[in-house]
Amino acid sequence: MHNQIHLVSAGASDALIETQSAGIIQPCRRYIEGWQLRATYLAEQLALHPRGSDAYELAETRLAELRGEIAANRDYLVVEASRLPPDDLVDATLDELDALLASLSRAASASS
């Protein structure tokens, strides 16, 4: 009997892991839409204003700040998630952050 596998229903430890996962993902999920809107706005500003103008330089500066903010939050999510079992929602959030960072890089390179 000692080598048999016993299936049990999800217990308190599973619920705790899900709660911990949700706790680290929620802040990023709340900010992603705002970051996307800011990225779109800044890309439009770069396209609208002539290179060298104050507005253009401000948009470039804000774009770099946004990229840094997103990258820092992504790094935090990776560190915190590494302490938990694999989670599809964490992976999806990281993928979304990676896509957003890639779009910011494209906007920055298109402006240079």
PDB file of N, CA and C in Angstrom:
ATOM      1  N   MET A   1       0.811  -1.199   0.000  1.00  0.00           N
ATOM      2  CA  MET A   1       0.000   0.000   0.000  1.00  0.00           C
ATOM      3  C   MET A   1       0.852   1.261   0.000  1.00  0.00           C
ATOM      4  N   HIS A   2       2.076   1.177   0.450  1.00  0.00           N
ATOM      5  CA  HIS A   2       2.904   2.370   0.556  1.00  0.00           C
ATOM      6  C   HIS A   2       3.323   2.922  -0.800  1.00  0.00           C
ATOM      7  N   ASN A   3       3.223   2.150  -1.872  1.00  0.00           N
ATOM      8  CA  ASN A   3       3.624   2.642  -3.185  1.00  0.00           C
ATOM      9  C   ASN A   3       2.441   3.024  -4.067  1.00  0.00           C
ATOM     10  N   GLN A   4       1.278   3.143  -3.510  1.00  0.00           N
ATOM     11  CA  GLN A   4       0.106   3.528  -4.282  1.00  0.00           C
ATOM     12  C   GLN A   4      -0.055   5.042  -4.266  1.00  0.00           C
ATOM     13  N   ILE A   5      -0.601   5.543  -5.350  1.00  0.00           N
ATOM     14  CA  ILE A   5      -0.855   6.979  -5.457  1.00  0.00           C
ATOM     15  C   ILE A   5      -2.282   7.248  -5.009  1.00  0.00           C
ATOM     16  N   HIS A   6      -2.423   8.202  -4.135  1.00  0.00           N
ATOM     17  CA  HIS A   6      -3.748   8.589  -3.665  1.00  0.00           C
ATOM     18  C   HIS A   6      -4.063   9.976  -4.199  1.00  0.00           C
ATOM     19  N   LEU A   7      -5.157  10.099  -4.904  1.00  0.00           N
ATOM     20  CA  LEU A   7      -5.582  11.393  -5.424  1.00  0.00           C
ATOM     21  C   LEU A   7      -6.420  12.104  -4.379  1.00  0.00           C
ATOM     22  N   VAL A   8      -6.123  13.356  -4.202  1.00  0.00           N
ATOM     23  CA  VAL A   8      -6.892  14.157  -3.253  1.00  0.00           C
ATOM     24  C   VAL A   8      -7.362  15.417  -3.960  1.00  0.00           C
ATOM     25  N   SER A   9      -8.414  15.978  -3.471  1.00  0.00           N
ATOM     26  CA  SER A   9      -8.917  17.215  -4.065  1.00  0.00           C
ATOM     27  C   SER A   9      -8.002  18.374  -3.690  1.00  0.00           C
ATOM     28  N   ALA A  10      -8.148  19.449  -4.431  1.00  0.00           N
ATOM     29  CA  ALA A  10      -7.344  20.646  -4.160  1.00  0.00           C
ATOM     30  C   ALA A  10      -7.612  21.106  -2.737  1.00  0.00           C
ATOM     31  N   GLY A  11      -6.555  21.377  -2.050  1.00  0.00           N
ATOM     32  CA  GLY A  11      -6.697  21.762  -0.655  1.00  0.00           C
ATOM     33  C   GLY A  11      -6.278  23.192  -0.411  1.00  0.00           C
ATOM     34  N   ALA A  12      -6.039  23.470   0.828  1.00  0.00           N
ATOM     35  CA  ALA A  12      -5.685  24.829   1.239  1.00  0.00           C
ATOM     36  C   ALA A  12      -4.367  25.284   0.626  1.00  0.00           C
ATOM     37  N   SER A  13      -3.400  24.363   0.480  1.00  0.00           N
ATOM     38  CA  SER A  13      -2.109  24.771  -0.094  1.00  0.00           C
ATOM     39  C   SER A  13      -2.261  25.184  -1.555  1.00  0.00           C
ATOM     40  N   ASP A  14      -3.121  24.486  -2.308  1.00  0.00           N
ATOM     41  CA  ASP A  14      -3.370  24.871  -3.704  1.00  0.00           C
ATOM     42  C   ASP A  14      -4.034  26.241  -3.780  1.00  0.00           C
ATOM     43  N   ALA A  15      -4.968  26.479  -2.895  1.00  0.00           N
ATOM     44  CA  ALA A  15      -5.649  27.777  -2.873  1.00  0.00           C
ATOM     45  C   ALA A  15      -4.676  28.887  -2.502  1.00  0.00           C
ATOM     46  N   LEU A  16      -3.755  28.594  -1.590  1.00  0.00           N
ATOM     47  CA  LEU A  16      -2.759  29.583  -1.189  1.00  0.00           C
ATOM     48  C   LEU A  16      -1.847  29.937  -2.359  1.00  0.00           C
ATOM     49  N   ILE A  17      -1.420  28.935  -3.125  1.00  0.00           N
ATOM     50  CA  ILE A  17      -0.564  29.181  -4.289  1.00  0.00           C
ATOM     51  C   ILE A  17      -1.304  30.033  -5.312  1.00  0.00           C
ATOM     52  N   GLU A  18      -2.578  29.717  -5.568  1.00  0.00           N
ATOM     53  CA  GLU A  18      -3.365  30.511  -6.514  1.00  0.00           C
ATOM     54  C   GLU A  18      -3.500  31.949  -6.020  1.00  0.00           C
ATOM     55  N   THR A  19      -3.708  32.129  -4.730  1.00  0.00           N
ATOM     56  CA  THR A  19      -3.831  33.467  -4.161  1.00  0.00           C
ATOM     57  C   THR A  19      -2.517  34.227  -4.291  1.00  0.00           C
ATOM     58  N   GLN A  20      -1.398  33.553  -4.041  1.00  0.00           N
ATOM     59  CA  GLN A  20      -0.092  34.194  -4.173  1.00  0.00           C
ATOM     60  C   GLN A  20       0.166  34.589  -5.624  1.00  0.00           C
ATOM     61  N   SER A  21      -0.177  33.701  -6.548  1.00  0.00           N
ATOM     62  CA  SER A  21      -0.015  33.999  -7.978  1.00  0.00           C
ATOM     63  C   SER A  21      -0.838  35.217  -8.359  1.00  0.00           C
ATOM     64  N   ALA A  22      -2.087  35.213  -7.968  1.00  0.00           N
ATOM     65  CA  ALA A  22      -2.968  36.337  -8.289  1.00  0.00           C
ATOM     66  C   ALA A  22      -2.446  37.621  -7.657  1.00  0.00           C
ATOM     67  N   GLY A  23      -1.894  37.514  -6.469  1.00  0.00           N
ATOM     68  CA  GLY A  23      -1.384  38.689  -5.772  1.00  0.00           C
ATOM     69  C   GLY A  23      -0.218  39.351  -6.478  1.00  0.00           C
ATOM     70  N   ILE A  24       0.627  38.563  -7.138  1.00  0.00           N
ATOM     71  CA  ILE A  24       1.753  39.176  -7.847  1.00  0.00           C
ATOM     72  C   ILE A  24       1.383  39.588  -9.265  1.00  0.00           C
ATOM     73  N   ILE A  25       0.350  38.974  -9.818  1.00  0.00           N
ATOM     74  CA  ILE A  25      -0.053  39.296 -11.192  1.00  0.00           C
ATOM     75  C   ILE A  25      -0.960  40.517 -11.244  1.00  0.00           C
ATOM     76  N   GLN A  26      -1.844  40.653 -10.267  1.00  0.00           N
ATOM     77  CA  GLN A  26      -2.855  41.717 -10.299  1.00  0.00           C
ATOM     78  C   GLN A  26      -2.296  43.116 -10.546  1.00  0.00           C
ATOM     79  N   PRO A  27      -1.239  43.529  -9.860  1.00  0.00           N
ATOM     80  CA  PRO A  27      -0.736  44.885 -10.132  1.00  0.00           C
ATOM     81  C   PRO A  27      -0.334  45.073 -11.595  1.00  0.00           C
ATOM     82  N   CYS A  28       0.347  44.089 -12.163  1.00  0.00           N
ATOM     83  CA  CYS A  28       0.739  44.192 -13.581  1.00  0.00           C
ATOM     84  C   CYS A  28      -0.486  44.228 -14.480  1.00  0.00           C
ATOM     85  N   ARG A  29      -1.459  43.391 -14.205  1.00  0.00           N
ATOM     86  CA  ARG A  29      -2.669  43.342 -15.037  1.00  0.00           C
ATOM     87  C   ARG A  29      -3.371  44.701 -15.009  1.00  0.00           C
ATOM     88  N   ARG A  30      -3.373  45.348 -13.837  1.00  0.00           N
ATOM     89  CA  ARG A  30      -4.034  46.651 -13.729  1.00  0.00           C
ATOM     90  C   ARG A  30      -3.306  47.708 -14.545  1.00  0.00           C
ATOM     91  N   TYR A  31      -1.988  47.627 -14.593  1.00  0.00           N
ATOM     92  CA  TYR A  31      -1.203  48.658 -15.265  1.00  0.00           C
ATOM     93  C   TYR A  31      -1.046  48.450 -16.767  1.00  0.00           C
ATOM     94  N   ILE A  32      -1.186  47.238 -17.254  1.00  0.00           N
ATOM     95  CA  ILE A  32      -0.899  46.951 -18.661  1.00  0.00           C
ATOM     96  C   ILE A  32      -1.708  47.833 -19.605  1.00  0.00           C
ATOM     97  N   GLU A  33      -2.995  47.967 -19.373  1.00  0.00           N
ATOM     98  CA  GLU A  33      -3.814  48.782 -20.275  1.00  0.00           C
ATOM     99  C   GLU A  33      -3.337  50.233 -20.291  1.00  0.00           C
ATOM    100  N   GLY A  34      -3.017  50.768 -19.135  1.00  0.00           N
ATOM    101  CA  GLY A  34      -2.499  52.137 -19.071  1.00  0.00           C
ATOM    102  C   GLY A  34      -1.175  52.278 -19.798  1.00  0.00           C
ATOM    103  N   TRP A  35      -0.309  51.291 -19.628  1.00  0.00           N
ATOM    104  CA  TRP A  35       0.973  51.319 -20.331  1.00  0.00           C
ATOM    105  C   TRP A  35       0.765  51.268 -21.842  1.00  0.00           C
ATOM    106  N   GLN A  36      -0.194  50.451 -22.281  1.00  0.00           N
ATOM    107  CA  GLN A  36      -0.484  50.362 -23.716  1.00  0.00           C
ATOM    108  C   GLN A  36      -0.979  51.705 -24.250  1.00  0.00           C
ATOM    109  N   LEU A  37      -1.848  52.354 -23.501  1.00  0.00           N
ATOM    110  CA  LEU A  37      -2.358  53.663 -23.926  1.00  0.00           C
ATOM    111  C   LEU A  37      -1.238  54.698 -23.979  1.00  0.00           C
ATOM    112  N   ARG A  38      -0.385  54.705 -22.969  1.00  0.00           N
ATOM    113  CA  ARG A  38       0.742  55.643 -22.966  1.00  0.00           C
ATOM    114  C   ARG A  38       1.685  55.367 -24.128  1.00  0.00           C
ATOM    115  N   ALA A  39       1.949  54.100 -24.408  1.00  0.00           N
ATOM    116  CA  ALA A  39       2.843  53.741 -25.515  1.00  0.00           C
ATOM    117  C   ALA A  39       2.272  54.211 -26.844  1.00  0.00           C
ATOM    118  N   THR A  40       0.980  54.022 -27.035  1.00  0.00           N
ATOM    119  CA  THR A  40       0.327  54.463 -28.270  1.00  0.00           C
ATOM    120  C   THR A  40       0.403  55.976 -28.401  1.00  0.00           C
ATOM    121  N   TYR A  41       0.096  56.674 -27.324  1.00  0.00           N
ATOM    122  CA  TYR A  41       0.142  58.135 -27.337  1.00  0.00           C
ATOM    123  C   TYR A  41       1.549  58.633 -27.660  1.00  0.00           C
ATOM    124  N   LEU A  42       2.553  58.059 -27.010  1.00  0.00           N
ATOM    125  CA  LEU A  42       3.928  58.512 -27.231  1.00  0.00           C
ATOM    126  C   LEU A  42       4.405  58.205 -28.647  1.00  0.00           C
ATOM    127  N   ALA A  43       4.017  57.059 -29.188  1.00  0.00           N
ATOM    128  CA  ALA A  43       4.374  56.735 -30.576  1.00  0.00           C
ATOM    129  C   ALA A  43       3.732  57.743 -31.528  1.00  0.00           C
ATOM    130  N   GLU A  44       2.493  58.127 -31.242  1.00  0.00           N
ATOM    131  CA  GLU A  44       1.818  59.138 -32.069  1.00  0.00           C
ATOM    132  C   GLU A  44       2.523  60.488 -31.963  1.00  0.00           C
ATOM    133  N   GLN A  45       2.972  60.833 -30.764  1.00  0.00           N
ATOM    134  CA  GLN A  45       3.688  62.095 -30.581  1.00  0.00           C
ATOM    135  C   GLN A  45       5.000  62.103 -31.362  1.00  0.00           C
ATOM    136  N   LEU A  46       5.691  60.987 -31.374  1.00  0.00           N
ATOM    137  CA  LEU A  46       6.936  60.895 -32.138  1.00  0.00           C
ATOM    138  C   LEU A  46       6.673  61.042 -33.633  1.00  0.00           C
ATOM    139  N   ALA A  47       5.564  60.486 -34.090  1.00  0.00           N
ATOM    140  CA  ALA A  47       5.225  60.579 -35.511  1.00  0.00           C
ATOM    141  C   ALA A  47       4.734  61.978 -35.878  1.00  0.00           C
ATOM    142  N   LEU A  48       4.113  62.657 -34.937  1.00  0.00           N
ATOM    143  CA  LEU A  48       3.490  63.952 -35.193  1.00  0.00           C
ATOM    144  C   LEU A  48       4.488  65.105 -35.200  1.00  0.00           C
ATOM    145  N   HIS A  49       5.424  65.089 -34.279  1.00  0.00           N
ATOM    146  CA  HIS A  49       6.329  66.228 -34.112  1.00  0.00           C
ATOM    147  C   HIS A  49       7.641  66.015 -34.860  1.00  0.00           C
ATOM    148  N   PRO A  50       8.207  67.105 -35.367  1.00  0.00           N
ATOM    149  CA  PRO A  50       9.480  66.978 -36.090  1.00  0.00           C
ATOM    150  C   PRO A  50      10.627  66.627 -35.140  1.00  0.00           C
ATOM    151  N   ARG A  51      11.521  65.794 -35.637  1.00  0.00           N
ATOM    152  CA  ARG A  51      12.699  65.402 -34.857  1.00  0.00           C
ATOM    153  C   ARG A  51      13.473  66.656 -34.455  1.00  0.00           C
ATOM    154  N   GLY A  52      13.912  66.708 -33.210  1.00  0.00           N
ATOM    155  CA  GLY A  52      14.655  67.860 -32.717  1.00  0.00           C
ATOM    156  C   GLY A  52      13.799  68.872 -31.981  1.00  0.00           C
ATOM    157  N   SER A  53      12.478  68.786 -32.144  1.00  0.00           N
ATOM    158  CA  SER A  53      11.603  69.726 -31.435  1.00  0.00           C
ATOM    159  C   SER A  53      11.511  69.322 -29.962  1.00  0.00           C
ATOM    160  N   ASP A  54      11.099  70.278 -29.140  1.00  0.00           N
ATOM    161  CA  ASP A  54      10.954  70.000 -27.707  1.00  0.00           C
ATOM    162  C   ASP A  54       9.930  68.892 -27.460  1.00  0.00           C
ATOM    163  N   ALA A  55       8.819  68.931 -28.205  1.00  0.00           N
ATOM    164  CA  ALA A  55       7.769  67.925 -28.028  1.00  0.00           C
ATOM    165  C   ALA A  55       8.280  66.532 -28.398  1.00  0.00           C
ATOM    166  N   TYR A  56       9.081  66.461 -29.440  1.00  0.00           N
ATOM    167  CA  TYR A  56       9.646  65.186 -29.876  1.00  0.00           C
ATOM    168  C   TYR A  56      10.601  64.640 -28.812  1.00  0.00           C
ATOM    169  N   GLU A  57      11.472  65.497 -28.317  1.00  0.00           N
ATOM    170  CA  GLU A  57      12.433  65.069 -27.300  1.00  0.00           C
ATOM    171  C   GLU A  57      11.731  64.656 -26.008  1.00  0.00           C
ATOM    172  N   LEU A  58      10.662  65.363 -25.659  1.00  0.00           N
ATOM    173  CA  LEU A  58       9.892  64.996 -24.476  1.00  0.00           C
ATOM    174  C   LEU A  58       9.257  63.611 -24.661  1.00  0.00           C
ATOM    175  N   ALA A  59       8.699  63.370 -25.847  1.00  0.00           N
ATOM    176  CA  ALA A  59       8.092  62.063 -26.126  1.00  0.00           C
ATOM    177  C   ALA A  59       9.143  60.955 -26.067  1.00  0.00           C
ATOM    178  N   GLU A  60      10.337  61.221 -26.587  1.00  0.00           N
ATOM    179  CA  GLU A  60      11.422  60.228 -26.517  1.00  0.00           C
ATOM    180  C   GLU A  60      11.808  59.932 -25.069  1.00  0.00           C
ATOM    181  N   THR A  61      11.899  60.978 -24.274  1.00  0.00           N
ATOM    182  CA  THR A  61      12.245  60.814 -22.861  1.00  0.00           C
ATOM    183  C   THR A  61      11.177  60.006 -22.139  1.00  0.00           C
ATOM    184  N   ARG A  62       9.921  60.354 -22.372  1.00  0.00           N
ATOM    185  CA  ARG A  62       8.811  59.642 -21.720  1.00  0.00           C
ATOM    186  C   ARG A  62       8.746  58.186 -22.181  1.00  0.00           C
ATOM    187  N   LEU A  63       9.070  57.936 -23.441  1.00  0.00           N
ATOM    188  CA  LEU A  63       9.077  56.571 -23.966  1.00  0.00           C
ATOM    189  C   LEU A  63      10.157  55.741 -23.264  1.00  0.00           C
ATOM    190  N   ALA A  64      11.328  56.322 -23.067  1.00  0.00           N
ATOM    191  CA  ALA A  64      12.408  55.624 -22.359  1.00  0.00           C
ATOM    192  C   ALA A  64      12.017  55.357 -20.902  1.00  0.00           C
ATOM    193  N   GLU A  65      11.366  56.326 -20.270  1.00  0.00           N
ATOM    194  CA  GLU A  65      10.907  56.144 -18.888  1.00  0.00           C
ATOM    195  C   GLU A  65       9.871  55.026 -18.804  1.00  0.00           C
ATOM    196  N   LEU A  66       8.958  55.000 -19.767  1.00  0.00           N
ATOM    197  CA  LEU A  66       7.920  53.972 -19.794  1.00  0.00           C
ATOM    198  C   LEU A  66       8.548  52.595 -19.980  1.00  0.00           C
ATOM    199  N   ARG A  67       9.503  52.499 -20.883  1.00  0.00           N
ATOM    200  CA  ARG A  67      10.191  51.228 -21.118  1.00  0.00           C
ATOM    201  C   ARG A  67      10.863  50.751 -19.825  1.00  0.00           C
ATOM    202  N   GLY A  68      11.509  51.661 -19.114  1.00  0.00           N
ATOM    203  CA  GLY A  68      12.151  51.306 -17.848  1.00  0.00           C
ATOM    204  C   GLY A  68      11.154  50.854 -16.791  1.00  0.00           C
ATOM    205  N   GLU A  69      10.025  51.537 -16.724  1.00  0.00           N
ATOM    206  CA  GLU A  69       8.981  51.182 -15.752  1.00  0.00           C
ATOM    207  C   GLU A  69       8.428  49.785 -16.030  1.00  0.00           C
ATOM    208  N   ILE A  70       8.152  49.503 -17.296  1.00  0.00           N
ATOM    209  CA  ILE A  70       7.607  48.192 -17.662  1.00  0.00           C
ATOM    210  C   ILE A  70       8.644  47.100 -17.420  1.00  0.00           C
ATOM    211  N   ALA A  71       9.890  47.353 -17.807  1.00  0.00           N
ATOM    212  CA  ALA A  71      10.950  46.358 -17.617  1.00  0.00           C
ATOM    213  C   ALA A  71      11.154  46.051 -16.131  1.00  0.00           C
ATOM    214  N   ALA A  72      11.103  47.066 -15.288  1.00  0.00           N
ATOM    215  CA  ALA A  72      11.267  46.854 -13.845  1.00  0.00           C
ATOM    216  C   ALA A  72      10.127  46.009 -13.287  1.00  0.00           C
ATOM    217  N   ASN A  73       8.910  46.276 -13.725  1.00  0.00           N
ATOM    218  CA  ASN A  73       7.768  45.489 -13.262  1.00  0.00           C
ATOM    219  C   ASN A  73       7.837  44.061 -13.784  1.00  0.00           C
ATOM    220  N   ARG A  74       8.317  43.887 -15.011  1.00  0.00           N
ATOM    221  CA  ARG A  74       8.478  42.550 -15.575  1.00  0.00           C
ATOM    222  C   ARG A  74       9.511  41.772 -14.764  1.00  0.00           C
ATOM    223  N   ASP A  75      10.631  42.415 -14.461  1.00  0.00           N
ATOM    224  CA  ASP A  75      11.678  41.759 -13.672  1.00  0.00           C
ATOM    225  C   ASP A  75      11.157  41.357 -12.293  1.00  0.00           C
ATOM    226  N   TYR A  76      10.388  42.238 -11.671  1.00  0.00           N
ATOM    227  CA  TYR A  76       9.795  41.936 -10.367  1.00  0.00           C
ATOM    228  C   TYR A  76       8.878  40.714 -10.468  1.00  0.00           C
ATOM    229  N   LEU A  77       8.056  40.671 -11.516  1.00  0.00           N
ATOM    230  CA  LEU A  77       7.138  39.555 -11.709  1.00  0.00           C
ATOM    231  C   LEU A  77       7.911  38.248 -11.889  1.00  0.00           C
ATOM    232  N   VAL A  78       8.996  38.280 -12.645  1.00  0.00           N
ATOM    233  CA  VAL A  78       9.813  37.080 -12.853  1.00  0.00           C
ATOM    234  C   VAL A  78      10.383  36.579 -11.525  1.00  0.00           C
ATOM    235  N   VAL A  79      10.922  37.484 -10.731  1.00  0.00           N
ATOM    236  CA  VAL A  79      11.514  37.098  -9.441  1.00  0.00           C
ATOM    237  C   VAL A  79      10.451  36.511  -8.519  1.00  0.00           C
ATOM    238  N   GLU A  80       9.330  37.188  -8.406  1.00  0.00           N
ATOM    239  CA  GLU A  80       8.272  36.710  -7.508  1.00  0.00           C
ATOM    240  C   GLU A  80       7.667  35.397  -7.998  1.00  0.00           C
ATOM    241  N   ALA A  81       7.480  35.255  -9.299  1.00  0.00           N
ATOM    242  CA  ALA A  81       6.878  34.041  -9.853  1.00  0.00           C
ATOM    243  C   ALA A  81       7.824  32.850  -9.741  1.00  0.00           C
ATOM    244  N   SER A  82       9.118  33.102  -9.689  1.00  0.00           N
ATOM    245  CA  SER A  82      10.082  31.998  -9.594  1.00  0.00           C
ATOM    246  C   SER A  82       9.948  31.245  -8.270  1.00  0.00           C
ATOM    247  N   ARG A  83       9.308  31.850  -7.310  1.00  0.00           N
ATOM    248  CA  ARG A  83       9.113  31.213  -6.001  1.00  0.00           C
ATOM    249  C   ARG A  83       7.871  30.330  -5.962  1.00  0.00           C
ATOM    250  N   LEU A  84       7.097  30.363  -7.045  1.00  0.00           N
ATOM    251  CA  LEU A  84       5.842  29.616  -7.106  1.00  0.00           C
ATOM    252  C   LEU A  84       5.909  28.573  -8.218  1.00  0.00           C
ATOM    253  N   PRO A  85       5.011  27.598  -8.184  1.00  0.00           N
ATOM    254  CA  PRO A  85       4.952  26.636  -9.289  1.00  0.00           C
ATOM    255  C   PRO A  85       4.577  27.348 -10.597  1.00  0.00           C
ATOM    256  N   PRO A  86       4.885  26.731 -11.745  1.00  0.00           N
ATOM    257  CA  PRO A  86       4.527  27.344 -13.033  1.00  0.00           C
ATOM    258  C   PRO A  86       3.034  27.686 -13.088  1.00  0.00           C
ATOM    259  N   ASP A  87       2.740  28.801 -13.740  1.00  0.00           N
ATOM    260  CA  ASP A  87       1.362  29.285 -13.811  1.00  0.00           C
ATOM    261  C   ASP A  87       1.125  29.894 -15.190  1.00  0.00           C
ATOM    262  N   ASP A  88       0.071  29.452 -15.853  1.00  0.00           N
ATOM    263  CA  ASP A  88      -0.232  29.946 -17.201  1.00  0.00           C
ATOM    264  C   ASP A  88      -0.539  31.436 -17.210  1.00  0.00           C
ATOM    265  N   LEU A  89      -1.189  31.934 -16.174  1.00  0.00           N
ATOM    266  CA  LEU A  89      -1.529  33.354 -16.122  1.00  0.00           C
ATOM    267  C   LEU A  89      -0.271  34.214 -15.968  1.00  0.00           C
ATOM    268  N   VAL A  90       0.689  33.736 -15.200  1.00  0.00           N
ATOM    269  CA  VAL A  90       1.966  34.448 -15.080  1.00  0.00           C
ATOM    270  C   VAL A  90       2.656  34.467 -16.437  1.00  0.00           C
ATOM    271  N   ASP A  91       2.688  33.314 -17.104  1.00  0.00           N
ATOM    272  CA  ASP A  91       3.323  33.234 -18.425  1.00  0.00           C
ATOM    273  C   ASP A  91       2.642  34.164 -19.424  1.00  0.00           C
ATOM    274  N   ALA A  92       1.320  34.201 -19.407  1.00  0.00           N
ATOM    275  CA  ALA A  92       0.580  35.073 -20.326  1.00  0.00           C
ATOM    276  C   ALA A  92       0.866  36.545 -20.028  1.00  0.00           C
ATOM    277  N   THR A  93       0.959  36.886 -18.761  1.00  0.00           N
ATOM    278  CA  THR A  93       1.265  38.268 -18.380  1.00  0.00           C
ATOM    279  C   THR A  93       2.670  38.647 -18.827  1.00  0.00           C
ATOM    280  N   LEU A  94       3.631  37.743 -18.642  1.00  0.00           N
ATOM    281  CA  LEU A  94       5.001  38.003 -19.100  1.00  0.00           C
ATOM    282  C   LEU A  94       5.048  38.157 -20.618  1.00  0.00           C
ATOM    283  N   ASP A  95       4.297  37.323 -21.332  1.00  0.00           N
ATOM    284  CA  ASP A  95       4.239  37.440 -22.795  1.00  0.00           C
ATOM    285  C   ASP A  95       3.678  38.793 -23.208  1.00  0.00           C
ATOM    286  N   GLU A  96       2.650  39.232 -22.498  1.00  0.00           N
ATOM    287  CA  GLU A  96       2.042  40.527 -22.809  1.00  0.00           C
ATOM    288  C   GLU A  96       3.017  41.674 -22.535  1.00  0.00           C
ATOM    289  N   LEU A  97       3.750  41.575 -21.444  1.00  0.00           N
ATOM    290  CA  LEU A  97       4.752  42.598 -21.133  1.00  0.00           C
ATOM    291  C   LEU A  97       5.882  42.589 -22.167  1.00  0.00           C
ATOM    292  N   ASP A  98       6.294  41.398 -22.597  1.00  0.00           N
ATOM    293  CA  ASP A  98       7.331  41.296 -23.630  1.00  0.00           C
ATOM    294  C   ASP A  98       6.864  41.927 -24.937  1.00  0.00           C
ATOM    295  N   ALA A  99       5.611  41.680 -25.306  1.00  0.00           N
ATOM    296  CA  ALA A  99       5.063  42.269 -26.533  1.00  0.00           C
ATOM    297  C   ALA A  99       5.016  43.789 -26.424  1.00  0.00           C
ATOM    298  N   LEU A 100       4.655  44.286 -25.267  1.00  0.00           N
ATOM    299  CA  LEU A 100       4.600  45.731 -25.056  1.00  0.00           C
ATOM    300  C   LEU A 100       5.997  46.344 -25.125  1.00  0.00           C
ATOM    301  N   LEU A 101       6.976  45.687 -24.516  1.00  0.00           N
ATOM    302  CA  LEU A 101       8.356  46.177 -24.590  1.00  0.00           C
ATOM    303  C   LEU A 101       8.868  46.154 -26.031  1.00  0.00           C
ATOM    304  N   ALA A 102       8.498  45.126 -26.786  1.00  0.00           N
ATOM    305  CA  ALA A 102       8.906  45.048 -28.193  1.00  0.00           C
ATOM    306  C   ALA A 102       8.283  46.184 -28.999  1.00  0.00           C
ATOM    307  N   SER A 103       7.025  46.506 -28.719  1.00  0.00           N
ATOM    308  CA  SER A 103       6.376  47.605 -29.448  1.00  0.00           C
ATOM    309  C   SER A 103       7.025  48.944 -29.098  1.00  0.00           C
ATOM    310  N   LEU A 104       7.459  49.100 -27.851  1.00  0.00           N
ATOM    311  CA  LEU A 104       8.160  50.325 -27.461  1.00  0.00           C
ATOM    312  C   LEU A 104       9.513  50.420 -28.163  1.00  0.00           C
ATOM    313  N   SER A 105      10.190  49.303 -28.292  1.00  0.00           N
ATOM    314  CA  SER A 105      11.475  49.302 -28.999  1.00  0.00           C
ATOM    315  C   SER A 105      11.288  49.660 -30.466  1.00  0.00           C
ATOM    316  N   ARG A 106      10.220  49.130 -31.066  1.00  0.00           N
ATOM    317  CA  ARG A 106       9.932  49.472 -32.474  1.00  0.00           C
ATOM    318  C   ARG A 106       9.625  50.957 -32.612  1.00  0.00           C
ATOM    319  N   ALA A 107       8.851  51.496 -31.680  1.00  0.00           N
ATOM    320  CA  ALA A 107       8.511  52.926 -31.734  1.00  0.00           C
ATOM    321  C   ALA A 107       9.762  53.776 -31.571  1.00  0.00           C
ATOM    322  N   ALA A 108      10.648  53.363 -30.670  1.00  0.00           N
ATOM    323  CA  ALA A 108      11.882  54.115 -30.447  1.00  0.00           C
ATOM    324  C   ALA A 108      12.800  54.038 -31.660  1.00  0.00           C
ATOM    325  N   SER A 109      12.893  52.858 -32.277  1.00  0.00           N
ATOM    326  CA  SER A 109      13.779  52.723 -33.437  1.00  0.00           C
ATOM    327  C   SER A 109      13.191  53.413 -34.662  1.00  0.00           C
ATOM    328  N   ALA A 110      11.882  53.463 -34.762  1.00  0.00           N
ATOM    329  CA  ALA A 110      11.247  54.166 -35.883  1.00  0.00           C
ATOM    330  C   ALA A 110      11.460  55.668 -35.755  1.00  0.00           C
ATOM    331  N   SER A 111      11.637  56.125 -34.523  1.00  0.00           N
ATOM    332  CA  SER A 111      11.808  57.561 -34.311  1.00  0.00           C
ATOM    333  C   SER A 111      13.247  58.002 -34.527  1.00  0.00           C
ATOM    334  N   SER A 112      14.202  57.056 -34.532  1.00  0.00           N
ATOM    335  CA  SER A 112      15.597  57.469 -34.700  1.00  0.00           C
ATOM    336  C   SER A 112      16.062  57.418 -36.121  1.00  0.00           C
TER     337      SER A 112
END
